[in-house]
């Protein structure tokens, strides 16, 4: 699972071109990591 989190955290910002989109993507990644942490 940590590998998937890192992969997601790297791939999504690279695909996001605008700063606003990158920020929103970062927020979603953080929320995803929090959810994984609670479920683990």
PDB file of N, CA and C in Angstrom:
ATOM      1  N   UNK A   1       0.822  -1.222   0.000  1.00  0.00           N
ATOM      2  CA  UNK A   1       0.000   0.000   0.000  1.00  0.00           C
ATOM      3  C   UNK A   1       0.853   1.269   0.000  1.00  0.00           C
ATOM      4  N   UNK A   2       1.944   1.340   0.782  1.00  0.00           N
ATOM      5  CA  UNK A   2       2.778   2.558   0.729  1.00  0.00           C
ATOM      6  C   UNK A   2       3.271   2.843  -0.687  1.00  0.00           C
ATOM      7  N   UNK A   3       3.597   1.800  -1.442  1.00  0.00           N
ATOM      8  CA  UNK A   3       4.062   1.999  -2.822  1.00  0.00           C
ATOM      9  C   UNK A   3       2.971   2.651  -3.655  1.00  0.00           C
ATOM     10  N   UNK A   4       1.722   2.208  -3.475  1.00  0.00           N
ATOM     11  CA  UNK A   4       0.605   2.777  -4.226  1.00  0.00           C
ATOM     12  C   UNK A   4       0.406   4.249  -3.858  1.00  0.00           C
ATOM     13  N   UNK A   5       0.595   4.575  -2.580  1.00  0.00           N
ATOM     14  CA  UNK A   5       0.430   5.961  -2.144  1.00  0.00           C
ATOM     15  C   UNK A   5       1.492   6.840  -2.796  1.00  0.00           C
ATOM     16  N   UNK A   6       2.730   6.360  -2.791  1.00  0.00           N
ATOM     17  CA  UNK A   6       3.816   7.130  -3.406  1.00  0.00           C
ATOM     18  C   UNK A   6       3.579   7.285  -4.897  1.00  0.00           C
ATOM     19  N   UNK A   7       3.178   6.199  -5.550  1.00  0.00           N
ATOM     20  CA  UNK A   7       2.944   6.231  -6.992  1.00  0.00           C
ATOM     21  C   UNK A   7       1.837   7.231  -7.323  1.00  0.00           C
ATOM     22  N   UNK A   8       0.752   7.204  -6.538  1.00  0.00           N
ATOM     23  CA  UNK A   8      -0.356   8.131  -6.755  1.00  0.00           C
ATOM     24  C   UNK A   8       0.101   9.569  -6.513  1.00  0.00           C
ATOM     25  N   UNK A   9       0.862   9.766  -5.443  1.00  0.00           N
ATOM     26  CA  UNK A   9       1.325  11.112  -5.101  1.00  0.00           C
ATOM     27  C   UNK A   9       2.241  11.693  -6.160  1.00  0.00           C
ATOM     28  N   UNK A  10       2.960  10.837  -6.888  1.00  0.00           N
ATOM     29  CA  UNK A  10       3.874  11.316  -7.931  1.00  0.00           C
ATOM     30  C   UNK A  10       3.155  11.490  -9.255  1.00  0.00           C
ATOM     31  N   UNK A  11       2.297  10.529  -9.614  1.00  0.00           N
ATOM     32  CA  UNK A  11       1.670  10.531 -10.935  1.00  0.00           C
ATOM     33  C   UNK A  11       0.637  11.649 -11.090  1.00  0.00           C
ATOM     34  N   UNK A  12      -0.188  11.868 -10.069  1.00  0.00           N
ATOM     35  CA  UNK A  12      -1.252  12.855 -10.216  1.00  0.00           C
ATOM     36  C   UNK A  12      -0.721  14.283 -10.386  1.00  0.00           C
ATOM     37  N   UNK A  13       0.211  14.750  -9.550  1.00  0.00           N
ATOM     38  CA  UNK A  13       0.734  16.108  -9.756  1.00  0.00           C
ATOM     39  C   UNK A  13       1.411  16.260 -11.124  1.00  0.00           C
ATOM     40  N   UNK A  14       2.067  15.201 -11.610  1.00  0.00           N
ATOM     41  CA  UNK A  14       2.720  15.293 -12.915  1.00  0.00           C
ATOM     42  C   UNK A  14       1.686  15.475 -14.014  1.00  0.00           C
ATOM     43  N   UNK A  15       0.504  14.872 -13.841  1.00  0.00           N
ATOM     44  CA  UNK A  15      -0.531  14.980 -14.864  1.00  0.00           C
ATOM     45  C   UNK A  15      -1.287  16.304 -14.740  1.00  0.00           C
ATOM     46  N   UNK A  16      -1.170  16.953 -13.584  1.00  0.00           N
ATOM     47  CA  UNK A  16      -1.858  18.231 -13.376  1.00  0.00           C
ATOM     48  C   UNK A  16      -0.956  19.369 -13.829  1.00  0.00           C
ATOM     49  N   UNK A  17      -1.452  20.198 -14.740  1.00  0.00           N
ATOM     50  CA  UNK A  17      -0.608  21.250 -15.311  1.00  0.00           C
ATOM     51  C   UNK A  17      -0.772  22.588 -14.596  1.00  0.00           C
ATOM     52  N   UNK A  18      -1.976  22.907 -14.137  1.00  0.00           N
ATOM     53  CA  UNK A  18      -2.197  24.214 -13.510  1.00  0.00           C
ATOM     54  C   UNK A  18      -1.970  24.131 -12.012  1.00  0.00           C
ATOM     55  N   UNK A  19      -1.599  25.261 -11.390  1.00  0.00           N
ATOM     56  CA  UNK A  19      -1.350  25.279  -9.951  1.00  0.00           C
ATOM     57  C   UNK A  19      -2.596  24.921  -9.164  1.00  0.00           C
ATOM     58  N   UNK A  20      -3.755  25.443  -9.596  1.00  0.00           N
ATOM     59  CA  UNK A  20      -4.998  25.162  -8.881  1.00  0.00           C
ATOM     60  C   UNK A  20      -5.310  23.671  -8.919  1.00  0.00           C
ATOM     61  N   UNK A  21      -5.113  23.057 -10.082  1.00  0.00           N
ATOM     62  CA  UNK A  21      -5.394  21.633 -10.210  1.00  0.00           C
ATOM     63  C   UNK A  21      -4.429  20.826  -9.358  1.00  0.00           C
ATOM     64  N   UNK A  22      -3.163  21.237  -9.343  1.00  0.00           N
ATOM     65  CA  UNK A  22      -2.164  20.530  -8.544  1.00  0.00           C
ATOM     66  C   UNK A  22      -2.522  20.619  -7.066  1.00  0.00           C
ATOM     67  N   UNK A  23      -2.983  21.790  -6.644  1.00  0.00           N
ATOM     68  CA  UNK A  23      -3.369  21.960  -5.233  1.00  0.00           C
ATOM     69  C   UNK A  23      -4.542  21.059  -4.888  1.00  0.00           C
ATOM     70  N   UNK A  24      -5.546  21.022  -5.771  1.00  0.00           N
ATOM     71  CA  UNK A  24      -6.722  20.179  -5.531  1.00  0.00           C
ATOM     72  C   UNK A  24      -6.315  18.703  -5.515  1.00  0.00           C
ATOM     73  N   UNK A  25      -5.415  18.337  -6.412  1.00  0.00           N
ATOM     74  CA  UNK A  25      -4.943  16.948  -6.455  1.00  0.00           C
ATOM     75  C   UNK A  25      -4.211  16.612  -5.167  1.00  0.00           C
ATOM     76  N   UNK A  26      -3.379  17.538  -4.699  1.00  0.00           N
ATOM     77  CA  UNK A  26      -2.654  17.309  -3.452  1.00  0.00           C
ATOM     78  C   UNK A  26      -3.607  17.114  -2.289  1.00  0.00           C
ATOM     79  N   UNK A  27      -4.698  17.884  -2.277  1.00  0.00           N
ATOM     80  CA  UNK A  27      -5.680  17.742  -1.201  1.00  0.00           C
ATOM     81  C   UNK A  27      -6.336  16.365  -1.251  1.00  0.00           C
ATOM     82  N   UNK A  28      -6.633  15.893  -2.469  1.00  0.00           N
ATOM     83  CA  UNK A  28      -7.256  14.572  -2.606  1.00  0.00           C
ATOM     84  C   UNK A  28      -6.282  13.480  -2.178  1.00  0.00           C
ATOM     85  N   UNK A  29      -5.003  13.643  -2.520  1.00  0.00           N
ATOM     86  CA  UNK A  29      -3.999  12.645  -2.132  1.00  0.00           C
ATOM     87  C   UNK A  29      -3.874  12.604  -0.618  1.00  0.00           C
ATOM     88  N   UNK A  30      -3.863  13.775   0.028  1.00  0.00           N
ATOM     89  CA  UNK A  30      -3.768  13.814   1.489  1.00  0.00           C
ATOM     90  C   UNK A  30      -4.981  13.138   2.116  1.00  0.00           C
ATOM     91  N   UNK A  31      -6.163  13.397   1.571  1.00  0.00           N
ATOM     92  CA  UNK A  31      -7.382  12.772   2.103  1.00  0.00           C
ATOM     93  C   UNK A  31      -7.321  11.262   1.904  1.00  0.00           C
ATOM     94  N   UNK A  32      -6.802  10.829   0.755  1.00  0.00           N
ATOM     95  CA  UNK A  32      -6.677   9.399   0.475  1.00  0.00           C
ATOM     96  C   UNK A  32      -5.710   8.753   1.469  1.00  0.00           C
ATOM     97  N   UNK A  33      -4.593   9.425   1.740  1.00  0.00           N
ATOM     98  CA  UNK A  33      -3.613   8.898   2.687  1.00  0.00           C
ATOM     99  C   UNK A  33      -4.227   8.808   4.088  1.00  0.00           C
ATOM    100  N   UNK A  34      -4.997   9.812   4.466  1.00  0.00           N
ATOM    101  CA  UNK A  34      -5.644   9.782   5.779  1.00  0.00           C
ATOM    102  C   UNK A  34      -6.609   8.599   5.869  1.00  0.00           C
ATOM    103  N   UNK A  35      -7.367   8.369   4.799  1.00  0.00           N
ATOM    104  CA  UNK A  35      -8.328   7.271   4.794  1.00  0.00           C
ATOM    105  C   UNK A  35      -7.600   5.931   4.896  1.00  0.00           C
ATOM    106  N   UNK A  36      -6.499   5.799   4.174  1.00  0.00           N
ATOM    107  CA  UNK A  36      -5.723   4.557   4.223  1.00  0.00           C
ATOM    108  C   UNK A  36      -5.160   4.358   5.622  1.00  0.00           C
ATOM    109  N   UNK A  37      -4.679   5.432   6.227  1.00  0.00           N
ATOM    110  CA  UNK A  37      -4.122   5.331   7.575  1.00  0.00           C
ATOM    111  C   UNK A  37      -5.162   4.866   8.580  1.00  0.00           C
ATOM    112  N   UNK A  38      -6.397   5.346   8.433  1.00  0.00           N
ATOM    113  CA  UNK A  38      -7.460   4.953   9.369  1.00  0.00           C
ATOM    114  C   UNK A  38      -7.883   3.502   9.124  1.00  0.00           C
ATOM    115  N   UNK A  39      -7.867   3.066   7.869  1.00  0.00           N
ATOM    116  CA  UNK A  39      -8.319   1.710   7.564  1.00  0.00           C
ATOM    117  C   UNK A  39      -7.238   0.684   7.863  1.00  0.00           C
ATOM    118  N   UNK A  40      -5.964   1.120   7.907  1.00  0.00           N
ATOM    119  CA  UNK A  40      -4.857   0.189   8.146  1.00  0.00           C
ATOM    120  C   UNK A  40      -4.859  -0.283   9.599  1.00  0.00           C
TER     121      UNK A  40
END
